[in-house]
Amino acid sequence: MTNIDPVNAVLNQAPPLENFNRYLGNRPLRDALVREGAGWAHEELIERGAELGSAEWIRRGELANANPPRLRTLDPDGRPADRFEFHPAWHECLAWLKLHGITGAAWAQPRPGTHVRRAALFQMFAEVECGSLCPATMTHAAVPVLTRDFALVEPWVRLAQTPRHDPRFMPAAKKRGVLIGMGVTERQGGSDVRANVSRAEAVSDGWYRLTGHKWFMSATMSDAFLVTAQTGRGVSCFLLPRFGPDGSLNALHIRGAKDKLGDRSNATAEVVFDGALAHLVGEEERGVATVMEVASHTRLDCANGSAGLMRAALSHALHHAHHRSAFGKPLLAQPLMQNVLADMAVEVEGHIAFCLAVAGCIDRRQTSPEAGILARLLVPVLKYWVCGRTPVLVAEAMQVLGGNGYVEDGPMPRLFRQSPLNSIWEGAGNIMCLDVLRALQRDPACRELLLDVLGRVRGIHAGYDRHLDALSGALAPPAGGEADARRLAGRIALAMEAALLLAADSPAGDALCASRLADGWTAFGTLPRTTDFAAILDRADPEQADED
């Protein structure tokens, strides 16, 4: 018998998952990238995937979250400061996101597949650090609405799109790059923006003075914010810079930082406006419509971020199961564990395909009105479904790691705390599902366009055909009432994911149809015994290095 030190020996433990390629090891993402017209970005994403899978970047994400921002309300001399201080790792994350065009450069690059490429990068970065993606996505989403106002193009649009991150706290005109946050939520209204009570009084040349508060100001370190307030004509949208036109600090005061469950690296705060100067964005009293246009892009990124979180959780579970043995053989070789892991892999592959397909719709909107109509319907479906499924999948992945998955020394607790966030940010589940109903009611073309897309794979799988028949009936006017909105949105989401995977001839397509479209699927690990577990798990293996 071998002599083993029972105290100090480290046996049967998985090594850290690091120094791997997050792109090459994600076959579903690679395939979806090509399907949606961004195959030209393949070589670049190989390089980015290697960076983000490195031990250096993994440590950077850990440091950004282990060292949350610190609020400084006063400077050393007692003057108002109203700013946050961050660990250097946070700024390194923002520098990477700016450098690679995540904060708005896609709007200046009309090449087909540009938003698909961005979505892929966004998902990979979410595996490393999610908090810094918040200001990145809001800056990106603000660019289209700011571009329409010539007075805001310089310097705001230019500096939002620049590849430089500039953390200095000073007027935008003196900086090399800016970030744009948002402040819409007020304590009395929540998602009901029309209940805002903050007031805006016109000054001159599109400038207003704002008085009021915001219960949540997202990415409070930003150089400017899109905010809402009531004018005499109704809710309007404004760009509120941290510094006024004369270079002095604007009258935005941070009342307190939010101590959030997750998203620890990012700053969120309650703020008050004391006559703060802000510039009107869009038409007066059309503030809700302007915010909704911005939200169509931030909501897509909520889904992208959630897909990245799930992919990270699945990768850790697969890695652990590969290296850990129990009852005489590796976890990955045990039939029930294969079923659980393959079931999670099916879920993640469907979400990745759906996210990139919607990003493809955003790419095609300029040349195809139909793509814009379809995106209007699918964005809230996507956010509701993908973000809502995230906590369930991350919790299942934690079970694979057992007790090691539940301790703060490992990666799973941070993923788990982050997992509910995107379901709440930018409109919770009910808001999304009601938005789906509005899209169907306001533009009847939504229904026909959706059924046309879904009908292209009819005849491949009998279970899918039955689901499509039932969905077609449910979509018939009137498309259900509010009480059924979640059921309808879920049916659309499953149909989209199934259609995409069937069209791609992925082994996950048959498994998705045989499980989620059939009666009785309730939990991970219940795929039919006829499932091609090996093929599904091979596609999901984060440490694969082939490009075939």
Protein backbone atom coordinates (compact mmCIF):
# COMPACT_ATOMS: atom_id res chain seq x y z
CA MET A 1 0.00 0.00 0.00
CA THR A 2 1.34 3.44 -0.95
CA ASN A 3 2.16 5.68 1.96
CA ILE A 4 0.06 8.85 1.67
CA ASP A 5 0.22 11.82 3.99
CA PRO A 6 -3.46 12.08 5.04
CA VAL A 7 -3.07 15.70 6.10
CA ASN A 8 -0.97 17.38 3.42
CA ALA A 9 -1.52 15.28 0.30
CA VAL A 10 -3.71 16.92 -2.35
CA LEU A 11 -5.40 14.14 -4.28
CA ASN A 12 -8.30 13.94 -6.71
CA GLN A 13 -8.73 17.71 -7.03
CA ALA A 14 -9.15 19.56 -10.30
CA PRO A 15 -6.40 22.04 -11.18
CA PRO A 16 -7.47 25.65 -11.79
CA LEU A 17 -9.20 26.24 -15.11
CA GLU A 18 -6.84 28.78 -16.66
CA ASN A 19 -4.58 29.41 -19.65
CA PHE A 20 -7.12 28.09 -22.13
CA ASN A 21 -8.81 29.74 -25.12
CA ARG A 22 -12.36 30.92 -24.37
CA TYR A 23 -13.12 31.16 -28.09
CA LEU A 24 -11.58 27.99 -29.47
CA GLY A 25 -13.02 26.08 -26.54
CA ASN A 26 -16.53 27.32 -27.29
CA ARG A 27 -17.64 25.50 -30.44
CA PRO A 28 -21.26 26.74 -30.19
CA LEU A 29 -20.03 30.35 -30.18
CA ARG A 30 -17.68 29.76 -33.11
CA ASP A 31 -20.43 28.15 -35.18
CA ALA A 32 -22.97 30.87 -34.39
CA LEU A 33 -20.46 33.57 -35.30
CA VAL A 34 -20.12 32.11 -38.79
CA ARG A 35 -23.87 31.53 -39.22
CA GLU A 36 -24.64 35.14 -38.38
CA GLY A 37 -22.15 36.66 -40.79
CA ALA A 38 -19.12 37.48 -38.64
CA GLY A 39 -16.77 34.69 -39.67
CA TRP A 40 -14.33 37.39 -40.76
CA ALA A 41 -13.62 38.03 -37.05
CA HIS A 42 -12.44 34.45 -36.41
CA GLU A 43 -8.71 35.13 -36.22
CA GLU A 44 -9.16 38.18 -34.01
CA LEU A 45 -11.38 36.23 -31.62
CA ILE A 46 -8.79 33.47 -31.34
CA GLU A 47 -6.41 36.11 -29.97
CA ARG A 48 -9.03 37.63 -27.66
CA GLY A 49 -10.07 34.19 -26.43
CA ALA A 50 -6.49 33.35 -25.47
CA GLU A 51 -6.15 36.64 -23.59
CA LEU A 52 -9.36 36.22 -21.64
CA GLY A 53 -8.59 32.61 -20.75
CA SER A 54 -5.18 33.48 -19.33
CA ALA A 55 -4.40 33.27 -15.63
CA GLU A 56 -3.58 36.98 -15.75
CA TRP A 57 -7.05 37.99 -16.91
CA ILE A 58 -8.79 35.59 -14.56
CA ARG A 59 -6.90 37.18 -11.67
CA ARG A 60 -7.80 40.65 -12.94
CA GLY A 61 -11.50 39.83 -12.80
CA GLU A 62 -11.10 38.49 -9.28
CA LEU A 63 -9.28 41.62 -8.12
CA ALA A 64 -11.89 43.97 -9.58
CA ASN A 65 -14.59 42.21 -7.56
CA ALA A 66 -12.58 41.68 -4.38
CA ASN A 67 -11.91 45.44 -4.23
CA PRO A 68 -15.26 47.24 -4.72
CA PRO A 69 -15.30 50.97 -5.51
CA ARG A 70 -15.06 53.38 -2.59
CA LEU A 71 -17.30 56.43 -2.41
CA ARG A 72 -15.64 59.76 -1.67
CA THR A 73 -18.24 62.40 -0.86
CA LEU A 74 -15.65 65.02 0.14
CA ASP A 75 -12.12 65.80 -1.01
CA PRO A 76 -9.26 66.18 1.55
CA ASP A 77 -10.12 69.88 1.98
CA GLY A 78 -13.80 69.25 2.70
CA ARG A 79 -15.14 70.28 -0.69
CA PRO A 80 -17.83 68.09 -2.38
CA ALA A 81 -16.22 65.32 -4.41
CA ASP A 82 -19.13 62.99 -5.26
CA ARG A 83 -16.98 60.38 -6.93
CA PHE A 84 -15.88 56.76 -6.66
CA GLU A 85 -12.35 55.37 -6.52
CA PHE A 86 -11.58 52.02 -8.17
CA HIS A 87 -8.94 49.32 -8.01
CA PRO A 88 -6.54 49.39 -11.00
CA ALA A 89 -7.99 46.07 -12.22
CA TRP A 90 -11.32 47.81 -12.91
CA HIS A 91 -9.64 50.38 -15.14
CA GLU A 92 -7.72 47.62 -16.92
CA CYS A 93 -11.05 45.95 -17.70
CA LEU A 94 -12.48 49.20 -19.09
CA ALA A 95 -9.34 49.80 -21.11
CA TRP A 96 -9.72 46.37 -22.76
CA LEU A 97 -13.41 46.97 -23.52
CA LYS A 98 -12.72 50.39 -25.03
CA LEU A 99 -9.76 49.11 -27.04
CA HIS A 100 -11.82 46.37 -28.65
CA GLY A 101 -14.80 48.52 -29.57
CA ILE A 102 -17.39 47.33 -27.03
CA THR A 103 -18.40 50.88 -26.05
CA GLY A 104 -19.88 52.09 -29.31
CA ALA A 105 -17.42 51.57 -32.14
CA ALA A 106 -19.77 49.05 -33.79
CA TRP A 107 -22.03 51.92 -34.87
CA ALA A 108 -19.19 53.45 -36.87
CA GLN A 109 -18.34 50.15 -38.59
CA PRO A 110 -21.26 49.20 -40.85
CA ARG A 111 -19.61 45.95 -41.98
CA PRO A 112 -22.07 43.00 -41.91
CA GLY A 113 -21.62 41.01 -38.71
CA THR A 114 -20.17 43.88 -36.67
CA HIS A 115 -22.73 43.55 -33.87
CA VAL A 116 -22.40 39.76 -33.96
CA ARG A 117 -18.65 40.07 -33.44
CA ARG A 118 -19.28 42.47 -30.58
CA ALA A 119 -21.81 40.08 -28.99
CA ALA A 120 -19.25 37.27 -29.08
CA LEU A 121 -16.63 39.45 -27.40
CA PHE A 122 -19.19 40.60 -24.84
CA GLN A 123 -20.06 37.03 -23.91
CA MET A 124 -16.42 36.01 -23.55
CA PHE A 125 -15.62 39.01 -21.36
CA ALA A 126 -18.66 38.26 -19.16
CA GLU A 127 -16.96 34.99 -18.25
CA VAL A 128 -14.18 37.07 -16.69
CA GLU A 129 -15.77 40.22 -15.23
CA CYS A 130 -19.34 41.49 -15.56
CA GLY A 131 -19.37 44.75 -13.63
CA SER A 132 -17.28 46.69 -16.13
CA LEU A 133 -19.65 45.60 -18.89
CA CYS A 134 -22.35 47.83 -17.37
CA PRO A 135 -20.81 51.19 -18.41
CA ALA A 136 -19.62 49.60 -21.64
CA THR A 137 -23.10 48.56 -22.73
CA MET A 138 -24.74 51.84 -21.71
CA THR A 139 -22.13 53.84 -23.59
CA HIS A 140 -22.67 51.64 -26.65
CA ALA A 141 -26.46 51.98 -26.43
CA ALA A 142 -26.35 55.76 -26.02
CA VAL A 143 -24.42 56.39 -29.24
CA PRO A 144 -27.30 56.00 -31.76
CA VAL A 145 -29.58 58.48 -29.97
CA LEU A 146 -26.81 61.00 -29.29
CA THR A 147 -25.64 60.85 -32.91
CA ARG A 148 -28.91 62.43 -34.08
CA ASP A 149 -28.22 65.67 -32.21
CA PHE A 150 -25.36 67.61 -33.78
CA ALA A 151 -24.75 69.46 -30.51
CA LEU A 152 -23.94 66.15 -28.78
CA VAL A 153 -21.75 64.51 -31.39
CA GLU A 154 -18.74 66.51 -30.27
CA PRO A 155 -17.29 65.50 -27.94
CA TRP A 156 -19.69 62.85 -26.63
CA VAL A 157 -20.16 60.48 -29.56
CA ARG A 158 -16.55 60.74 -30.67
CA LEU A 159 -15.17 60.07 -27.20
CA ALA A 160 -17.65 57.27 -26.53
CA GLN A 161 -16.41 55.45 -29.63
CA THR A 162 -12.71 56.09 -29.17
CA PRO A 163 -10.55 53.08 -28.21
CA ARG A 164 -9.06 54.92 -25.23
CA HIS A 165 -10.19 54.61 -21.61
CA ASP A 166 -9.49 57.77 -19.63
CA PRO A 167 -10.31 57.47 -15.90
CA ARG A 168 -9.42 61.07 -15.07
CA PHE A 169 -12.18 63.06 -13.35
CA MET A 170 -12.39 66.18 -15.52
CA PRO A 171 -14.55 67.79 -18.22
CA ALA A 172 -15.08 65.59 -21.26
CA ALA A 173 -13.53 68.05 -23.70
CA LYS A 174 -10.14 67.49 -22.01
CA LYS A 175 -10.34 63.67 -22.05
CA ARG A 176 -9.28 60.94 -24.47
CA GLY A 177 -12.38 58.81 -23.94
CA VAL A 178 -15.66 58.87 -22.02
CA LEU A 179 -18.25 56.53 -20.53
CA ILE A 180 -21.99 57.18 -20.36
CA GLY A 181 -24.23 55.80 -17.61
CA MET A 182 -27.98 55.93 -17.02
CA GLY A 183 -30.35 57.20 -14.36
CA VAL A 184 -34.01 56.42 -14.97
CA THR A 185 -35.29 54.62 -11.87
CA GLU A 186 -36.92 56.60 -9.08
CA ARG A 187 -38.04 55.16 -5.76
CA GLN A 188 -41.76 55.70 -6.32
CA GLY A 189 -41.91 54.31 -9.86
CA GLY A 190 -39.33 51.61 -10.49
CA SER A 191 -39.90 50.37 -14.04
CA ASP A 192 -42.77 52.84 -14.50
CA VAL A 193 -40.73 55.71 -15.93
CA ARG A 194 -43.85 57.80 -16.46
CA ALA A 195 -44.11 58.04 -12.67
CA ASN A 196 -40.86 60.04 -12.51
CA VAL A 197 -41.17 63.22 -10.42
CA SER A 198 -37.76 64.79 -11.12
CA ARG A 199 -38.32 68.15 -12.81
CA ALA A 200 -36.58 69.86 -15.72
CA GLU A 201 -36.79 73.59 -16.43
CA ALA A 202 -35.57 75.02 -19.72
CA VAL A 203 -32.60 77.40 -19.64
CA SER A 204 -31.44 78.00 -23.24
CA ASP A 205 -30.18 76.29 -26.40
CA GLY A 206 -31.42 72.84 -25.40
CA TRP A 207 -30.11 73.06 -21.83
CA TYR A 208 -32.30 72.44 -18.79
CA ARG A 209 -31.83 72.50 -15.03
CA LEU A 210 -32.85 69.27 -13.28
CA THR A 211 -34.12 68.97 -9.73
CA GLY A 212 -34.97 65.64 -8.16
CA HIS A 213 -33.44 62.23 -7.49
CA LYS A 214 -32.63 58.82 -8.95
CA TRP A 215 -32.89 55.75 -6.75
CA PHE A 216 -30.41 53.86 -8.96
CA MET A 217 -27.75 55.66 -10.98
CA SER A 218 -25.93 52.96 -12.90
CA ALA A 219 -22.18 53.19 -13.46
CA THR A 220 -21.98 56.30 -11.29
CA MET A 221 -18.33 56.86 -12.26
CA SER A 222 -19.37 57.80 -15.80
CA ASP A 223 -18.64 61.11 -17.50
CA ALA A 224 -22.30 61.72 -18.33
CA PHE A 225 -25.67 60.06 -17.87
CA LEU A 226 -28.86 59.62 -19.83
CA VAL A 227 -31.56 60.59 -17.35
CA THR A 228 -35.30 61.26 -17.41
CA ALA A 229 -37.26 64.14 -15.90
CA GLN A 230 -40.63 65.83 -16.26
CA THR A 231 -40.89 69.01 -18.33
CA GLY A 232 -44.13 70.89 -18.67
CA ARG A 233 -45.00 68.60 -21.58
CA GLY A 234 -44.13 65.21 -20.08
CA VAL A 235 -41.26 62.82 -19.44
CA SER A 236 -38.19 63.79 -21.47
CA CYS A 237 -34.66 62.38 -21.81
CA PHE A 238 -31.49 64.36 -21.10
CA LEU A 239 -27.72 63.98 -21.21
CA LEU A 240 -26.39 65.12 -17.84
CA PRO A 241 -22.57 65.61 -17.79
CA ARG A 242 -20.52 65.47 -14.58
CA PHE A 243 -19.09 68.88 -15.44
CA GLY A 244 -21.09 71.83 -16.76
CA PRO A 245 -20.33 73.79 -19.94
CA ASP A 246 -18.14 76.20 -17.92
CA GLY A 247 -15.99 73.35 -16.61
CA SER A 248 -17.31 73.44 -13.04
CA LEU A 249 -18.61 70.31 -11.28
CA ASN A 250 -22.28 69.80 -12.09
CA ALA A 251 -24.90 69.76 -9.33
CA LEU A 252 -25.21 65.97 -9.15
CA HIS A 253 -24.69 64.74 -5.59
CA ILE A 254 -24.23 61.12 -4.53
CA ARG A 255 -26.43 60.40 -1.54
CA GLY A 256 -25.17 56.86 -0.98
CA ALA A 257 -23.69 53.82 -2.69
CA LYS A 258 -25.82 50.72 -3.23
CA ASP A 259 -24.54 47.60 -1.49
CA LYS A 260 -25.52 45.07 -4.14
CA LEU A 261 -25.73 41.28 -3.95
CA GLY A 262 -23.49 40.93 -7.00
CA ASP A 263 -21.94 43.27 -9.56
CA ARG A 264 -19.53 44.23 -6.81
CA SER A 265 -16.91 45.82 -9.06
CA ASN A 266 -19.37 48.36 -10.47
CA ALA A 267 -20.59 51.53 -8.75
CA THR A 268 -24.32 52.10 -8.35
CA ALA A 269 -25.70 54.92 -6.24
CA GLU A 270 -28.66 57.00 -5.21
CA VAL A 271 -28.17 60.57 -6.43
CA VAL A 272 -29.92 63.91 -6.18
CA PHE A 273 -30.04 66.74 -8.72
CA ASP A 274 -29.86 70.26 -7.33
CA GLY A 275 -30.33 72.33 -10.46
CA ALA A 276 -27.97 70.16 -12.48
CA LEU A 277 -27.46 71.21 -16.09
CA ALA A 278 -28.52 68.68 -18.73
CA HIS A 279 -29.05 68.77 -22.49
CA LEU A 280 -32.29 67.55 -24.06
CA VAL A 281 -31.92 64.32 -26.05
CA GLY A 282 -34.55 63.74 -28.71
CA GLU A 283 -37.94 65.41 -28.59
CA GLU A 284 -39.43 66.85 -25.45
CA GLU A 285 -42.08 64.54 -23.89
CA ARG A 286 -40.66 61.63 -25.95
CA GLY A 287 -38.31 60.57 -23.18
CA VAL A 288 -39.82 57.13 -22.67
CA ALA A 289 -39.47 56.33 -26.39
CA THR A 290 -35.85 57.51 -26.32
CA VAL A 291 -35.07 55.40 -23.26
CA MET A 292 -36.76 52.39 -24.87
CA GLU A 293 -34.54 52.75 -27.93
CA VAL A 294 -31.48 52.74 -25.69
CA ALA A 295 -32.89 49.79 -23.75
CA SER A 296 -33.29 47.68 -26.89
CA HIS A 297 -29.49 47.50 -26.99
CA THR A 298 -28.78 47.24 -23.26
CA ARG A 299 -31.33 44.43 -23.02
CA LEU A 300 -29.57 42.47 -25.73
CA ASP A 301 -26.36 42.89 -23.75
CA CYS A 302 -28.11 41.69 -20.60
CA ALA A 303 -28.75 38.44 -22.47
CA ASN A 304 -25.19 38.34 -23.82
CA GLY A 305 -23.83 38.84 -20.31
CA SER A 306 -26.04 36.08 -18.93
CA ALA A 307 -25.00 33.72 -21.70
CA GLY A 308 -21.38 34.41 -20.77
CA LEU A 309 -22.08 33.72 -17.09
CA MET A 310 -23.72 30.41 -17.94
CA ARG A 311 -20.88 29.46 -20.24
CA ALA A 312 -18.38 30.17 -17.43
CA ALA A 313 -20.37 28.05 -14.97
CA LEU A 314 -20.66 25.19 -17.46
CA SER A 315 -16.93 25.36 -18.24
CA HIS A 316 -16.02 25.05 -14.57
CA ALA A 317 -18.42 22.14 -14.15
CA LEU A 318 -17.03 20.30 -17.18
CA HIS A 319 -13.45 20.93 -16.10
CA HIS A 320 -14.16 19.65 -12.60
CA ALA A 321 -15.96 16.56 -13.89
CA HIS A 322 -13.06 15.76 -16.18
CA HIS A 323 -10.48 15.82 -13.38
CA ARG A 324 -12.50 14.55 -10.42
CA SER A 325 -13.16 10.85 -9.77
CA ALA A 326 -15.75 9.23 -7.55
CA PHE A 327 -16.62 5.59 -6.97
CA GLY A 328 -13.73 4.43 -9.08
CA LYS A 329 -14.10 6.50 -12.26
CA PRO A 330 -14.08 10.13 -13.46
CA LEU A 331 -17.29 12.07 -12.93
CA LEU A 332 -17.42 12.74 -16.66
CA ALA A 333 -17.60 9.00 -17.34
CA GLN A 334 -20.63 8.44 -15.13
CA PRO A 335 -23.93 8.22 -17.04
CA LEU A 336 -26.05 10.42 -14.79
CA MET A 337 -23.37 13.12 -14.62
CA GLN A 338 -23.07 12.96 -18.42
CA ASN A 339 -26.80 13.58 -18.63
CA VAL A 340 -26.65 16.57 -16.28
CA LEU A 341 -23.66 18.16 -18.03
CA ALA A 342 -25.01 17.53 -21.52
CA ASP A 343 -28.37 19.00 -20.50
CA MET A 344 -26.64 22.17 -19.31
CA ALA A 345 -24.59 22.25 -22.51
CA VAL A 346 -27.78 22.06 -24.60
CA GLU A 347 -29.21 24.99 -22.65
CA VAL A 348 -26.09 27.13 -23.08
CA GLU A 349 -25.75 26.34 -26.78
CA GLY A 350 -29.35 27.38 -27.39
CA HIS A 351 -28.82 30.67 -25.56
CA ILE A 352 -25.61 31.45 -27.44
CA ALA A 353 -27.29 30.78 -30.78
CA PHE A 354 -30.29 32.95 -29.87
CA CYS A 355 -28.16 35.87 -28.66
CA LEU A 356 -26.04 35.97 -31.82
CA ALA A 357 -29.11 35.59 -34.04
CA VAL A 358 -30.66 38.68 -32.47
CA ALA A 359 -27.35 40.54 -32.83
CA GLY A 360 -27.53 39.54 -36.50
CA CYS A 361 -30.95 41.20 -36.71
CA ILE A 362 -29.40 44.42 -35.36
CA ASP A 363 -26.73 44.21 -38.07
CA ARG A 364 -29.34 43.81 -40.81
CA ARG A 365 -31.74 46.54 -39.69
CA GLN A 366 -30.21 49.18 -41.94
CA THR A 367 -30.87 47.14 -45.07
CA SER A 368 -33.87 45.07 -43.98
CA PRO A 369 -36.95 46.62 -42.31
CA GLU A 370 -38.10 43.10 -41.54
CA ALA A 371 -35.00 42.50 -39.40
CA GLY A 372 -35.85 45.58 -37.36
CA ILE A 373 -39.41 44.41 -36.80
CA LEU A 374 -38.21 40.98 -35.78
CA ALA A 375 -35.61 42.45 -33.41
CA ARG A 376 -38.33 44.54 -31.74
CA LEU A 377 -40.10 41.31 -30.82
CA LEU A 378 -37.12 39.08 -30.10
CA VAL A 379 -35.07 41.37 -27.84
CA PRO A 380 -37.56 41.21 -24.92
CA VAL A 381 -38.13 37.49 -25.56
CA LEU A 382 -34.38 36.91 -25.44
CA LYS A 383 -33.79 38.94 -22.29
CA TYR A 384 -36.68 37.32 -20.44
CA TRP A 385 -35.68 33.78 -21.32
CA VAL A 386 -31.88 33.79 -21.23
CA CYS A 387 -31.54 36.00 -18.14
CA GLY A 388 -34.25 34.14 -16.28
CA ARG A 389 -32.63 30.75 -16.87
CA THR A 390 -29.22 31.86 -15.59
CA PRO A 391 -29.59 31.36 -11.81
CA VAL A 392 -31.00 27.85 -12.33
CA LEU A 393 -28.10 26.75 -14.51
CA VAL A 394 -25.41 28.33 -12.34
CA ALA A 395 -26.90 26.63 -9.26
CA GLU A 396 -26.79 23.28 -11.07
CA ALA A 397 -23.15 23.86 -12.03
CA MET A 398 -22.35 24.54 -8.38
CA GLN A 399 -23.73 21.11 -7.52
CA VAL A 400 -21.27 19.48 -9.90
CA LEU A 401 -18.40 20.98 -7.91
CA GLY A 402 -20.01 19.95 -4.63
CA GLY A 403 -18.74 21.71 -1.52
CA ASN A 404 -15.90 23.29 -3.48
CA GLY A 405 -18.51 25.11 -5.53
CA TYR A 406 -19.96 26.77 -2.46
CA VAL A 407 -16.85 28.33 -0.94
CA GLU A 408 -15.66 31.84 -1.70
CA ASP A 409 -12.17 30.63 -2.62
CA GLY A 410 -13.52 29.35 -5.93
CA PRO A 411 -15.23 31.02 -8.91
CA MET A 412 -18.80 29.78 -8.44
CA PRO A 413 -20.08 32.08 -5.65
CA ARG A 414 -19.33 35.21 -7.70
CA LEU A 415 -21.08 33.72 -10.73
CA PHE A 416 -24.05 32.76 -8.58
CA ARG A 417 -24.40 36.21 -6.99
CA GLN A 418 -24.20 37.80 -10.41
CA SER A 419 -26.67 35.39 -12.01
CA PRO A 420 -30.01 37.10 -11.09
CA LEU A 421 -28.89 40.61 -11.99
CA ASN A 422 -29.64 40.75 -15.70
CA SER A 423 -33.20 39.57 -15.11
CA ILE A 424 -33.76 42.69 -13.00
CA TRP A 425 -31.64 45.33 -14.78
CA GLU A 426 -33.29 47.09 -17.74
CA GLY A 427 -36.72 45.67 -16.95
CA ALA A 428 -37.62 42.54 -14.98
CA GLY A 429 -39.29 39.45 -16.42
CA ASN A 430 -42.87 40.71 -16.34
CA ILE A 431 -41.86 43.94 -18.09
CA MET A 432 -40.19 41.95 -20.86
CA CYS A 433 -43.17 39.68 -21.41
CA LEU A 434 -45.62 42.57 -21.51
CA ASP A 435 -43.30 44.19 -24.04
CA VAL A 436 -43.57 41.04 -26.17
CA LEU A 437 -47.36 41.44 -26.16
CA ARG A 438 -47.06 45.11 -27.13
CA ALA A 439 -44.78 44.26 -30.05
CA LEU A 440 -47.28 41.70 -31.36
CA GLN A 441 -50.22 44.04 -30.93
CA ARG A 442 -48.64 47.14 -32.44
CA ASP A 443 -47.14 45.49 -35.51
CA PRO A 444 -49.03 42.46 -36.83
CA ALA A 445 -46.09 41.80 -39.19
CA CYS A 446 -44.16 40.49 -36.16
CA ARG A 447 -46.22 37.33 -36.07
CA GLU A 448 -45.84 36.49 -39.75
CA LEU A 449 -42.13 37.25 -39.80
CA LEU A 450 -41.55 35.07 -36.75
CA LEU A 451 -43.56 32.16 -38.11
CA ASP A 452 -41.74 32.44 -41.44
CA VAL A 453 -38.36 32.12 -39.70
CA LEU A 454 -39.54 29.26 -37.52
CA GLY A 455 -41.19 27.48 -40.43
CA ARG A 456 -37.95 27.08 -42.36
CA VAL A 457 -36.98 24.01 -40.34
CA ARG A 458 -40.39 22.36 -40.28
CA GLY A 459 -40.14 18.64 -41.00
CA ILE A 460 -36.80 17.99 -39.30
CA HIS A 461 -38.18 16.99 -35.89
CA ALA A 462 -41.73 15.91 -35.11
CA GLY A 463 -41.64 17.42 -31.63
CA TYR A 464 -40.61 20.77 -33.06
CA ASP A 465 -43.45 20.65 -35.60
CA ARG A 466 -46.00 20.06 -32.83
CA HIS A 467 -44.55 22.92 -30.79
CA LEU A 468 -44.68 25.24 -33.82
CA ASP A 469 -48.31 24.33 -34.50
CA ALA A 470 -49.25 25.13 -30.92
CA LEU A 471 -47.27 28.37 -30.98
CA SER A 472 -48.90 29.46 -34.22
CA GLY A 473 -52.29 29.09 -32.57
CA ALA A 474 -51.17 30.98 -29.47
CA LEU A 475 -49.88 33.84 -31.64
CA ALA A 476 -53.15 34.22 -33.51
CA PRO A 477 -54.82 37.57 -32.73
CA PRO A 478 -55.46 38.36 -29.98
CA ALA A 479 -52.15 36.84 -28.87
CA GLY A 480 -53.16 35.92 -25.32
CA GLY A 481 -53.73 38.12 -22.31
CA GLU A 482 -51.30 39.52 -19.78
CA ALA A 483 -51.68 36.53 -17.47
CA ASP A 484 -50.33 34.24 -20.21
CA ALA A 485 -47.50 36.53 -21.36
CA ARG A 486 -44.72 34.51 -19.72
CA ARG A 487 -45.96 31.27 -21.22
CA LEU A 488 -46.06 32.84 -24.67
CA ALA A 489 -42.60 34.42 -24.39
CA GLY A 490 -41.14 31.11 -23.22
CA ARG A 491 -42.71 29.24 -26.14
CA ILE A 492 -41.27 31.74 -28.61
CA ALA A 493 -37.83 31.49 -27.03
CA LEU A 494 -37.75 27.70 -27.11
CA ALA A 495 -38.97 27.67 -30.70
CA MET A 496 -36.24 30.11 -31.74
CA GLU A 497 -33.49 28.16 -30.00
CA ALA A 498 -34.73 24.85 -31.39
CA ALA A 499 -34.99 26.27 -34.92
CA LEU A 500 -31.48 27.69 -34.81
CA LEU A 501 -29.93 24.45 -33.55
CA LEU A 502 -31.90 22.27 -35.96
CA ALA A 503 -30.89 24.47 -38.88
CA ALA A 504 -27.27 24.18 -37.78
CA ASP A 505 -27.55 20.37 -37.56
CA SER A 506 -26.17 20.50 -34.03
CA PRO A 507 -26.65 17.42 -31.83
CA ALA A 508 -28.01 19.84 -29.24
CA GLY A 509 -30.97 20.56 -31.52
CA ASP A 510 -32.48 17.09 -31.27
CA ALA A 511 -31.81 17.02 -27.52
CA LEU A 512 -33.50 20.38 -27.01
CA CYS A 513 -36.58 19.29 -28.96
CA ALA A 514 -36.77 15.92 -27.23
CA SER A 515 -36.56 17.49 -23.77
CA ARG A 516 -37.77 21.07 -23.54
CA LEU A 517 -40.46 20.81 -26.21
CA ALA A 518 -41.84 17.60 -24.72
CA ASP A 519 -44.13 17.26 -21.74
CA GLY A 520 -42.44 16.42 -18.48
CA TRP A 521 -39.05 18.14 -18.75
CA THR A 522 -38.54 19.72 -15.35
CA ALA A 523 -34.87 19.54 -14.37
CA PHE A 524 -31.34 19.16 -15.70
CA GLY A 525 -30.21 15.58 -16.16
CA THR A 526 -33.41 14.24 -17.69
CA LEU A 527 -32.44 14.05 -21.36
CA PRO A 528 -33.64 10.90 -23.17
CA ARG A 529 -31.29 7.91 -23.10
CA THR A 530 -31.01 8.11 -26.90
CA THR A 531 -29.24 11.49 -26.66
CA ASP A 532 -25.79 11.72 -28.21
CA PHE A 533 -24.14 12.77 -24.96
CA ALA A 534 -20.58 12.41 -26.26
CA ALA A 535 -21.12 14.74 -29.22
CA ILE A 536 -22.82 17.41 -27.10
CA LEU A 537 -20.15 17.31 -24.41
CA ASP A 538 -17.36 17.42 -26.98
CA ARG A 539 -18.79 20.64 -28.45
CA ALA A 540 -18.94 22.18 -24.98
CA ASP A 541 -15.45 21.18 -23.77
CA PRO A 542 -13.72 24.46 -22.80
CA GLU A 543 -10.25 22.99 -23.23
CA GLN A 544 -10.61 21.77 -26.78
CA ALA A 545 -8.05 23.40 -29.06
CA ASP A 546 -9.15 22.36 -32.55
CA GLU A 547 -10.64 24.69 -35.14
CA ASP A 548 -12.55 22.07 -37.11
